[in-house]
Protein backbone atom coordinates (compact mmCIF):
# COMPACT_ATOMS: atom_id res chain seq x y z
CA MET A 1 90.10 80.86 102.56
CA SER A 2 88.78 83.39 105.30
CA ASN A 3 86.45 86.15 104.57
CA ARG A 4 89.31 88.63 105.56
CA ASN A 5 91.64 87.04 102.92
CA ILE A 6 89.11 87.29 100.26
CA LEU A 7 88.35 90.99 101.01
CA MET A 8 92.04 91.56 100.94
CA THR A 9 92.22 90.74 97.21
CA ILE A 10 90.61 94.09 96.42
CA ARG A 11 93.39 96.06 94.90
CA GLY A 12 94.29 99.31 96.83
CA ILE A 13 92.11 98.62 99.82
CA SER A 14 92.90 100.59 103.05
CA PRO A 15 92.97 99.33 106.49
CA GLU A 16 89.80 101.35 107.29
CA GLU A 17 88.04 100.24 104.27
CA LEU A 18 88.92 96.69 105.00
CA MET A 19 87.45 97.09 108.49
CA TYR A 20 84.19 98.56 107.14
CA LEU A 21 83.96 95.67 104.51
CA GLU A 22 84.57 93.06 107.30
CA HIS A 23 81.84 94.51 109.40
CA ALA A 24 79.37 94.79 106.30
CA THR A 25 80.06 91.14 105.36
CA LYS A 26 80.42 89.43 108.87
CA THR A 27 77.36 87.23 108.38
CA PHE A 28 78.16 86.26 104.92
CA THR A 29 79.22 82.88 103.86
CA GLU A 30 82.50 82.41 101.95
CA GLU A 31 80.57 82.19 98.72
CA GLN A 32 78.62 85.34 99.47
CA VAL A 33 81.77 87.17 100.28
CA LYS A 34 83.17 86.29 97.00
CA HIS A 35 80.12 87.42 95.25
CA PHE A 36 80.16 90.69 97.14
CA VAL A 37 83.79 91.29 96.18
CA PHE A 38 83.05 90.73 92.47
CA ILE A 39 80.15 93.30 92.72
CA TYR A 40 81.85 95.75 94.89
CA HIS A 41 85.20 95.79 93.08
CA SER A 42 83.39 96.80 89.87
CA LYS A 43 81.77 99.74 91.63
CA ARG A 44 84.61 100.82 93.91
CA LYS A 45 86.61 104.00 93.20
CA ASN A 46 90.19 104.67 94.01
CA ALA A 47 91.01 107.97 96.05
CA GLN A 48 94.14 108.46 93.86
CA ASP A 49 92.02 108.53 90.70
CA ILE A 50 89.50 110.94 92.21
CA LEU A 51 92.62 113.17 93.07
CA LEU A 52 93.75 113.11 89.57
CA PHE A 53 90.21 114.11 88.20
CA THR A 54 89.93 116.79 90.70
CA LEU A 55 93.28 118.23 89.46
CA LEU A 56 91.86 118.37 86.01
CA GLY A 57 89.63 121.09 87.29
CA PHE A 58 92.55 123.52 87.22
CA LEU A 59 92.86 122.82 83.25
CA GLY A 60 89.29 123.83 82.69
CA PHE A 61 87.49 120.42 83.15
CA ALA A 62 86.05 121.17 86.62
CA GLY A 63 83.66 118.62 88.10
CA ILE A 64 84.77 115.43 86.62
CA GLN A 65 85.34 113.98 90.04
CA ARG A 66 81.60 114.79 90.94
CA PHE A 67 80.31 112.93 87.94
CA ILE A 68 82.54 109.90 88.77
CA LEU A 69 81.23 109.78 92.21
CA ASN A 70 77.58 109.95 91.02
CA GLN A 71 77.03 113.47 92.03
CA VAL A 72 75.80 114.72 88.66
CA ALA A 73 74.07 117.99 89.80
CA MET A 74 77.30 119.06 91.59
CA GLY A 75 79.31 117.98 88.53
CA ILE A 76 77.16 120.25 86.34
CA ILE A 77 77.37 123.10 88.75
CA TYR A 78 81.07 122.74 89.08
CA PHE A 79 81.47 122.61 85.23
CA LEU A 80 79.33 125.75 84.69
CA THR A 81 81.05 127.78 87.46
CA VAL A 82 84.56 126.48 86.81
CA GLY A 83 84.57 124.58 90.01
CA PHE A 84 82.97 127.57 91.92
CA CYS A 85 85.85 129.69 90.66
CA PHE A 86 88.30 127.06 91.77
CA ILE A 87 87.36 127.29 95.46
CA GLY A 88 85.24 124.14 95.23
CA THR A 89 88.05 122.36 93.32
CA ILE A 90 90.45 123.24 96.05
CA VAL A 91 88.15 121.93 98.59
CA ASP A 92 87.68 118.71 96.80
CA LEU A 93 91.37 118.46 96.75
CA ILE A 94 91.45 118.41 100.38
CA ASN A 95 88.52 116.15 100.78
CA HIS A 96 89.13 113.69 97.93
CA LYS A 97 89.75 110.82 100.28
CA SER A 98 86.81 111.26 102.47
CA MET A 99 84.68 111.73 99.35
CA THR A 100 85.88 108.62 97.91
CA ASP A 101 85.37 106.68 101.21
CA GLU A 102 81.79 107.93 101.44
CA TYR A 103 81.12 106.77 97.83
CA ASN A 104 82.88 103.45 98.44
CA GLN A 105 80.82 102.83 101.73
CA ARG A 106 77.57 103.68 99.81
CA MET A 107 78.57 101.04 97.16
CA ALA A 108 79.45 98.49 99.87
CA ARG A 109 76.08 98.82 101.23
CA GLU A 110 74.47 98.50 97.77
CA SER A 111 76.66 95.48 96.87
CA ALA A 112 75.80 93.82 100.20
CA MET A 113 72.12 94.38 99.64
CA MET A 114 72.40 92.66 96.27
CA VAL A 115 74.28 89.73 97.65
CA MET A 116 71.57 89.39 100.48
CA GLY A 117 68.76 89.77 97.88
CA GLY A 118 70.20 87.35 95.56
CA PHE A 119 70.46 89.63 92.66
């Protein structure tokens, strides 16, 4: 099985994400790619889930999306300010995809380092 086929087993992967992961794992053996997918899949977030959590901000639960994306300080600020009076929540609705992509890229780098380091 090729590395690309292994990476395509990740549920909901976008073409852009697939390209990024192919680049991140291009020097990996098939076994390392399998290990990478196992680690990365457990850390990866889905953009649609982040969108749903952001929408909860309009029901008084502002900032959940920031907590899920490991942005704890911003999550607390959003919670205390009701999503910056909903303006921050609206901005996050618009940017939910790029926020998720940025988080997933960070998790891909972290997962790759774990595979290369043998953790």
